[in-house]
Amino acid sequence: MLLRPARSDDFDSIQKVEIASFSTLQKAGAIDGTPSSSTTAQLQHYLDHALLYVACGPTGATVGFCGGYVAGRFLHVGEMDVLPGFQRRGLGRRLLTILLDEARARMLDGATLTTDRFAPFNAPFYATFGFRVLEGNHLPERLRKILDAEIESGLDRTRRVGMALRF
C-alpha cells in the first residue's frame, strides 16, 4: 500500500471512504443514523495544515485516510478511516504514525483527538500509541467544545471521549 500526502482532487474519494466506513462504526454501536462524511471545508483545513494523508490500494484508489490540524501546540487528529475490506491490515496504524511523526518533526507538544470510548478500533487502539483518556478538569476547553459539537450532531455522550498524547 502506498501512503502519500493527499491533494484536493482526493477529497471525493476520501469522502467515499468515510461513508463506507460508517458501517463498521455502526456495527460497533459507535454511531447510528444516516452516513455522513467530512465536508470539503474540513478536508481543506487538514490540507492547509499539510496534515492529510491517503492510503492507496493496488489499483491506486484511495482505501484510507487520516487528517488533522495544528491547534495551539498540539496536533488534533480530526478523522481517520479505512475501507472495510482493507481494515485490520495496519493501514490505520501507518496513517496515524505519519501524522504523529509530522507533529514531532514540527516540535509540537503532543496530539489530541475525540473518539468512541468502547469500539476496540477507537479509544483502545489509540491507547496503544500512548493516548490517554482526559476527563473532568483534565479535559481542555478545546476538546470539550469539540465533544459538545459531536453530541449536538447526534453522537452518544456516554460513548464519546477526548484523548491526548504528550510527546
Protein backbone atom coordinates (compact mmCIF):
# COMPACT_ATOMS: atom_id res chain seq x y z
CA MET A 1 0.00 0.00 0.00
CA LEU A 2 1.21 3.45 -0.88
CA LEU A 3 0.77 6.21 1.68
CA ARG A 4 1.11 9.77 0.40
CA PRO A 5 0.10 13.33 1.15
CA ALA A 6 -3.41 13.99 -0.08
CA ARG A 7 -4.39 16.55 -2.70
CA SER A 8 -7.65 18.40 -3.16
CA ASP A 9 -8.57 16.07 -6.03
CA ASP A 10 -8.61 13.24 -3.44
CA PHE A 11 -11.50 14.79 -1.49
CA ASP A 12 -14.25 12.86 -3.30
CA SER A 13 -12.55 9.51 -2.75
CA ILE A 14 -11.78 10.39 0.89
CA GLN A 15 -15.44 11.18 1.50
CA LYS A 16 -16.42 7.85 -0.10
CA VAL A 17 -14.04 6.00 2.24
CA GLU A 18 -15.59 7.78 5.22
CA ILE A 19 -19.14 6.89 4.12
CA ALA A 20 -18.16 3.25 3.50
CA SER A 21 -16.51 3.05 6.94
CA PHE A 22 -19.75 4.14 8.58
CA SER A 23 -20.99 0.53 8.61
CA THR A 24 -18.04 -0.64 10.74
CA LEU A 25 -18.73 2.07 13.32
CA GLN A 26 -22.46 1.35 13.21
CA LYS A 27 -21.93 -2.39 13.84
CA ALA A 28 -19.76 -1.49 16.86
CA GLY A 29 -22.55 0.72 18.24
CA ALA A 30 -20.37 3.82 17.95
CA ILE A 31 -22.79 5.70 15.67
CA ASP A 32 -26.20 5.38 14.12
CA GLY A 33 -28.32 7.33 11.70
CA THR A 34 -27.50 8.45 8.21
CA PRO A 35 -23.91 8.05 6.98
CA SER A 36 -22.05 11.33 6.61
CA SER A 37 -18.54 12.45 5.82
CA SER A 38 -16.17 15.32 6.44
CA THR A 39 -17.05 18.40 4.46
CA THR A 40 -14.82 19.72 1.71
CA ALA A 41 -14.03 22.67 4.01
CA GLN A 42 -12.89 20.30 6.80
CA LEU A 43 -10.70 18.34 4.39
CA GLN A 44 -9.27 21.59 3.01
CA HIS A 45 -8.46 22.66 6.59
CA TYR A 46 -6.41 19.46 7.07
CA LEU A 47 -4.75 20.03 3.71
CA ASP A 48 -3.97 23.67 4.58
CA HIS A 49 -2.08 22.35 7.62
CA ALA A 50 -0.31 19.76 5.40
CA LEU A 51 -1.77 17.06 7.64
CA LEU A 52 -3.92 14.99 5.31
CA TYR A 53 -2.67 11.62 4.06
CA VAL A 54 -4.22 8.86 1.99
CA ALA A 55 -3.53 5.16 1.67
CA CYS A 56 -3.82 3.87 -1.88
CA GLY A 57 -4.60 0.26 -2.75
CA PRO A 58 -3.08 -1.85 -5.53
CA THR A 59 -5.08 -0.03 -8.23
CA GLY A 60 -4.15 3.39 -6.86
CA ALA A 61 -7.62 4.00 -5.43
CA THR A 62 -7.92 5.61 -2.00
CA VAL A 63 -8.63 2.97 0.64
CA GLY A 64 -7.94 5.02 3.78
CA PHE A 65 -7.04 8.44 5.07
CA CYS A 66 -6.05 10.37 8.17
CA GLY A 67 -6.35 14.11 8.62
CA GLY A 68 -5.67 16.66 11.30
CA TYR A 69 -4.64 20.22 12.05
CA VAL A 70 -2.47 22.14 14.46
CA ALA A 71 -4.35 23.58 17.46
CA GLY A 72 -2.04 25.59 19.68
CA ARG A 73 0.95 23.37 20.39
CA PHE A 74 -0.91 20.14 19.55
CA LEU A 75 -1.79 18.11 16.52
CA HIS A 76 -5.52 17.43 16.58
CA VAL A 77 -6.41 14.24 14.72
CA GLY A 78 -9.73 15.13 13.14
CA GLU A 79 -10.63 11.96 11.25
CA MET A 80 -9.23 8.60 10.21
CA ASP A 81 -10.99 5.88 8.24
CA VAL A 82 -10.11 2.78 6.25
CA LEU A 83 -12.42 0.96 3.83
CA PRO A 84 -13.93 -2.13 5.48
CA GLY A 85 -12.22 -4.51 3.03
CA PHE A 86 -8.81 -3.06 3.94
CA GLN A 87 -9.23 -2.85 7.71
CA ARG A 88 -7.11 -4.89 10.13
CA ARG A 89 -4.05 -4.69 7.87
CA GLY A 90 -2.19 -1.98 9.77
CA LEU A 91 -3.19 0.90 7.48
CA GLY A 92 -4.76 2.94 10.27
CA ARG A 93 -1.64 2.44 12.37
CA ARG A 94 0.60 3.53 9.48
CA LEU A 95 -1.55 6.59 8.70
CA LEU A 96 -1.65 7.74 12.31
CA THR A 97 2.09 7.19 12.66
CA ILE A 98 2.69 9.54 9.72
CA LEU A 99 0.66 12.30 11.39
CA LEU A 100 2.32 11.78 14.77
CA ASP A 101 5.79 11.78 13.18
CA GLU A 102 4.94 15.02 11.40
CA ALA A 103 3.77 16.57 14.69
CA ARG A 104 7.03 15.54 16.34
CA ALA A 105 9.03 16.98 13.43
CA ARG A 106 7.18 20.27 13.93
CA MET A 107 8.18 20.07 17.59
CA LEU A 108 4.58 20.14 18.82
CA ASP A 109 3.85 19.16 22.41
CA GLY A 110 1.59 16.24 21.57
CA ALA A 111 -1.63 15.19 19.90
CA THR A 112 -5.33 15.16 20.77
CA LEU A 113 -8.44 13.55 19.36
CA THR A 114 -12.01 12.62 20.17
CA THR A 115 -13.33 9.15 19.59
CA ASP A 116 -15.67 6.37 20.66
CA ARG A 117 -14.84 5.07 24.12
CA PHE A 118 -15.86 1.45 23.54
CA ALA A 119 -15.21 0.32 19.94
CA PRO A 120 -11.94 -1.68 20.03
CA PHE A 121 -10.61 0.10 16.95
CA ASN A 122 -11.15 3.51 18.54
CA ALA A 123 -10.07 4.51 22.08
CA PRO A 124 -8.36 1.16 22.83
CA PHE A 125 -6.48 1.43 19.50
CA TYR A 126 -5.30 4.97 20.25
CA ALA A 127 -4.21 3.87 23.73
CA THR A 128 -1.66 1.56 22.05
CA PHE A 129 0.06 4.75 20.82
CA GLY A 130 0.10 6.20 24.33
CA PHE A 131 -3.03 8.35 24.09
CA ARG A 132 -4.86 8.60 27.40
CA VAL A 133 -8.45 9.49 28.17
CA LEU A 134 -8.99 13.01 29.52
CA GLU A 135 -12.00 13.62 31.72
CA GLY A 136 -13.34 16.20 34.12
CA ASN A 137 -10.90 19.03 34.89
CA HIS A 138 -8.22 17.34 32.77
CA LEU A 139 -10.24 17.85 29.58
CA PRO A 140 -9.06 21.06 27.85
CA GLU A 141 -11.75 23.53 26.83
CA ARG A 142 -10.88 23.00 23.13
CA LEU A 143 -11.65 19.26 23.37
CA ARG A 144 -14.75 19.93 25.48
CA LYS A 145 -16.11 22.18 22.70
CA ILE A 146 -15.40 19.52 20.06
CA LEU A 147 -17.16 16.87 22.16
CA ASP A 148 -20.13 19.19 22.74
CA ALA A 149 -20.44 19.75 18.98
CA GLU A 150 -20.30 15.98 18.39
CA ILE A 151 -23.06 15.42 20.94
CA GLU A 152 -25.12 18.18 19.36
CA SER A 153 -24.73 16.46 15.97
CA GLY A 154 -26.28 13.30 17.42
CA LEU A 155 -23.41 11.21 18.80
CA ASP A 156 -23.95 9.43 22.12
CA ARG A 157 -22.48 11.43 25.02
CA THR A 158 -21.76 8.26 27.02
CA ARG A 159 -19.60 6.86 24.21
CA ARG A 160 -17.55 9.97 23.29
CA VAL A 161 -14.20 10.69 24.89
CA GLY A 162 -11.31 13.12 24.48
CA MET A 163 -7.78 11.71 24.42
CA ALA A 164 -4.28 13.19 24.45
CA LEU A 165 -0.74 12.04 23.84
CA ARG A 166 2.22 14.06 25.16
CA PHE A 167 5.49 13.81 23.27
